[in-house]
Amino acid sequence: MNLSQITAEYFSPYTGQMFQVKRKGIVVAQLQLEQVSISTISNKNFRQQFSLYLKSSGLTAFPDGLFTLSHPECGDLQQVYLNRVLPEQAGDQTPYYQISFN
């Protein structure tokens, strides 16, 4: 799938489902899609900006970087940048991640 053609609506049906995060073909983590957030800022020359917020299924975190995001129905999205973000609840030790699409 071409990353430049993906929209927030593409991911919305998968909210609550698990995705695999891979690097060099090896599964690094299982992440649950928690939220698809659409930006209020828009530019007619570009797609609507949006972000995916994902929650780790465990307490093990991994460093920010380029990964392959994999889902049985979506297939593989290669070269997506995941960065760790703070959880909404203070004291929550669960690793959360964000993928931004501009």
C-alpha atoms as a PDB file:
ATOM      1  CA  MET A   1       0.000   0.000   0.000  1.00  0.00           C
ATOM      2  CA  ASN A   2       1.221   3.481  -0.857  1.00  0.00           C
ATOM      3  CA  LEU A   3       1.618   5.531   2.343  1.00  0.00           C
ATOM      4  CA  SER A   4       0.795   8.787   0.541  1.00  0.00           C
ATOM      5  CA  GLN A   5      -2.729   7.517  -0.243  1.00  0.00           C
ATOM      6  CA  ILE A   6      -3.683   6.385   3.265  1.00  0.00           C
ATOM      7  CA  THR A   7      -6.294   8.405   5.154  1.00  0.00           C
ATOM      8  CA  ALA A   8      -7.643   8.378   8.696  1.00  0.00           C
ATOM      9  CA  GLU A   9     -10.797   6.667   7.448  1.00  0.00           C
ATOM     10  CA  TYR A  10      -8.676   3.722   6.304  1.00  0.00           C
ATOM     11  CA  PHE A  11      -7.621   2.990   9.902  1.00  0.00           C
ATOM     12  CA  SER A  12     -10.849   3.837  11.762  1.00  0.00           C
ATOM     13  CA  PRO A  13     -12.427   0.348  11.378  1.00  0.00           C
ATOM     14  CA  TYR A  14      -9.351  -1.191  13.018  1.00  0.00           C
ATOM     15  CA  THR A  15      -9.631   0.768  16.278  1.00  0.00           C
ATOM     16  CA  GLY A  16      -9.232  -1.688  19.158  1.00  0.00           C
ATOM     17  CA  GLN A  17      -7.428  -4.248  17.023  1.00  0.00           C
ATOM     18  CA  MET A  18      -3.859  -5.480  17.343  1.00  0.00           C
ATOM     19  CA  PHE A  19      -1.027  -4.634  14.953  1.00  0.00           C
ATOM     20  CA  GLN A  20       2.433  -6.166  14.817  1.00  0.00           C
ATOM     21  CA  VAL A  21       5.431  -3.865  14.733  1.00  0.00           C
ATOM     22  CA  LYS A  22       8.367  -5.360  12.852  1.00  0.00           C
ATOM     23  CA  ARG A  23      11.947  -4.365  12.172  1.00  0.00           C
ATOM     24  CA  LYS A  24      13.923  -6.336   9.607  1.00  0.00           C
ATOM     25  CA  GLY A  25      11.139  -8.940   9.533  1.00  0.00           C
ATOM     26  CA  ILE A  26      11.284  -9.606  13.278  1.00  0.00           C
ATOM     27  CA  VAL A  27       8.251  -8.803  15.458  1.00  0.00           C
ATOM     28  CA  VAL A  28       9.275  -6.150  17.990  1.00  0.00           C
ATOM     29  CA  ALA A  29       5.881  -5.622  19.648  1.00  0.00           C
ATOM     30  CA  GLN A  30       2.138  -6.098  19.511  1.00  0.00           C
ATOM     31  CA  LEU A  31       0.310  -2.762  19.658  1.00  0.00           C
ATOM     32  CA  GLN A  32      -3.402  -2.066  19.947  1.00  0.00           C
ATOM     33  CA  LEU A  33      -4.807   0.807  17.904  1.00  0.00           C
ATOM     34  CA  GLU A  34      -6.370   3.010  20.576  1.00  0.00           C
ATOM     35  CA  GLN A  35      -7.332   6.092  18.583  1.00  0.00           C
ATOM     36  CA  VAL A  36      -7.279   7.682  15.147  1.00  0.00           C
ATOM     37  CA  SER A  37      -6.967  11.441  15.626  1.00  0.00           C
ATOM     38  CA  ILE A  38      -7.666  13.837  12.756  1.00  0.00           C
ATOM     39  CA  SER A  39      -5.961  17.243  12.820  1.00  0.00           C
ATOM     40  CA  THR A  40      -8.071  20.385  12.635  1.00  0.00           C
ATOM     41  CA  ILE A  41      -5.395  21.960  10.432  1.00  0.00           C
ATOM     42  CA  SER A  42      -5.901  21.370   6.735  1.00  0.00           C
ATOM     43  CA  ASN A  43      -4.193  22.317   3.510  1.00  0.00           C
ATOM     44  CA  LYS A  44      -5.936  21.818   0.173  1.00  0.00           C
ATOM     45  CA  ASN A  45      -2.645  20.760  -1.447  1.00  0.00           C
ATOM     46  CA  PHE A  46      -2.066  17.880   0.993  1.00  0.00           C
ATOM     47  CA  ARG A  47      -4.090  15.148   2.649  1.00  0.00           C
ATOM     48  CA  GLN A  48      -5.791  15.755   5.976  1.00  0.00           C
ATOM     49  CA  GLN A  49      -3.192  15.269   8.709  1.00  0.00           C
ATOM     50  CA  PHE A  50      -3.913  12.485  11.198  1.00  0.00           C
ATOM     51  CA  SER A  51      -2.225  10.368  13.842  1.00  0.00           C
ATOM     52  CA  LEU A  52      -2.571   6.841  15.123  1.00  0.00           C
ATOM     53  CA  TYR A  53      -2.212   6.238  18.845  1.00  0.00           C
ATOM     54  CA  LEU A  54      -1.228   2.702  19.782  1.00  0.00           C
ATOM     55  CA  LYS A  55      -0.840   0.972  23.149  1.00  0.00           C
ATOM     56  CA  SER A  56       1.661  -1.775  23.883  1.00  0.00           C
ATOM     57  CA  SER A  57       0.328  -5.152  24.945  1.00  0.00           C
ATOM     58  CA  GLY A  58       3.116  -5.381  27.530  1.00  0.00           C
ATOM     59  CA  LEU A  59       5.438  -3.191  29.544  1.00  0.00           C
ATOM     60  CA  THR A  60       8.466  -3.579  27.275  1.00  0.00           C
ATOM     61  CA  ALA A  61       9.198  -0.432  25.274  1.00  0.00           C
ATOM     62  CA  PHE A  62      11.281  -0.031  22.140  1.00  0.00           C
ATOM     63  CA  PRO A  63      13.109   3.019  20.747  1.00  0.00           C
ATOM     64  CA  ASP A  64      11.595   5.403  18.181  1.00  0.00           C
ATOM     65  CA  GLY A  65      12.317   4.662  14.557  1.00  0.00           C
ATOM     66  CA  LEU A  66      11.187   3.266  11.235  1.00  0.00           C
ATOM     67  CA  PHE A  67       9.193   0.045  11.378  1.00  0.00           C
ATOM     68  CA  THR A  68       6.773  -2.097   9.399  1.00  0.00           C
ATOM     69  CA  LEU A  69       3.226  -1.998  10.763  1.00  0.00           C
ATOM     70  CA  SER A  70       1.424  -5.250  10.030  1.00  0.00           C
ATOM     71  CA  HIS A  71      -2.229  -6.287  10.305  1.00  0.00           C
ATOM     72  CA  PRO A  72      -3.931  -9.399   8.851  1.00  0.00           C
ATOM     73  CA  GLU A  73      -6.473  -7.319   6.890  1.00  0.00           C
ATOM     74  CA  CYS A  74      -4.370  -4.215   6.127  1.00  0.00           C
ATOM     75  CA  GLY A  75      -1.208  -6.033   5.153  1.00  0.00           C
ATOM     76  CA  ASP A  76       2.183  -4.442   5.752  1.00  0.00           C
ATOM     77  CA  LEU A  77       2.842  -0.704   5.855  1.00  0.00           C
ATOM     78  CA  GLN A  78       6.580  -0.300   5.513  1.00  0.00           C
ATOM     79  CA  GLN A  79       8.793   2.540   6.657  1.00  0.00           C
ATOM     80  CA  VAL A  80       6.395   4.155   9.156  1.00  0.00           C
ATOM     81  CA  TYR A  81       7.949   6.188  11.957  1.00  0.00           C
ATOM     82  CA  LEU A  82       6.770   5.269  15.442  1.00  0.00           C
ATOM     83  CA  ASN A  83       7.600   7.470  18.382  1.00  0.00           C
ATOM     84  CA  ARG A  84       6.832   6.871  22.028  1.00  0.00           C
ATOM     85  CA  VAL A  85       4.412   9.323  23.646  1.00  0.00           C
ATOM     86  CA  LEU A  86       3.273   9.938  27.195  1.00  0.00           C
ATOM     87  CA  PRO A  87       0.147   8.108  28.378  1.00  0.00           C
ATOM     88  CA  GLU A  88      -2.958  10.158  29.158  1.00  0.00           C
ATOM     89  CA  GLN A  89      -3.161   8.836  32.730  1.00  0.00           C
ATOM     90  CA  ALA A  90      -0.438   9.903  35.152  1.00  0.00           C
ATOM     91  CA  GLY A  91       1.430   6.896  36.530  1.00  0.00           C
ATOM     92  CA  ASP A  92       0.459   4.600  33.645  1.00  0.00           C
ATOM     93  CA  GLN A  93       3.565   2.548  32.831  1.00  0.00           C
ATOM     94  CA  THR A  94       2.181   1.116  29.576  1.00  0.00           C
ATOM     95  CA  PRO A  95       4.215   2.195  26.527  1.00  0.00           C
ATOM     96  CA  TYR A  96       2.166   4.234  24.037  1.00  0.00           C
ATOM     97  CA  TYR A  97       3.230   5.136  20.498  1.00  0.00           C
ATOM     98  CA  GLN A  98       2.179   7.539  17.789  1.00  0.00           C
ATOM     99  CA  ILE A  99       2.380   7.458  14.007  1.00  0.00           C
ATOM    100  CA  SER A 100       1.752  10.806  12.290  1.00  0.00           C
ATOM    101  CA  PHE A 101       0.663  11.147   8.682  1.00  0.00           C
ATOM    102  CA  ASN A 102       1.145  14.583   7.111  1.00  0.00           C
END
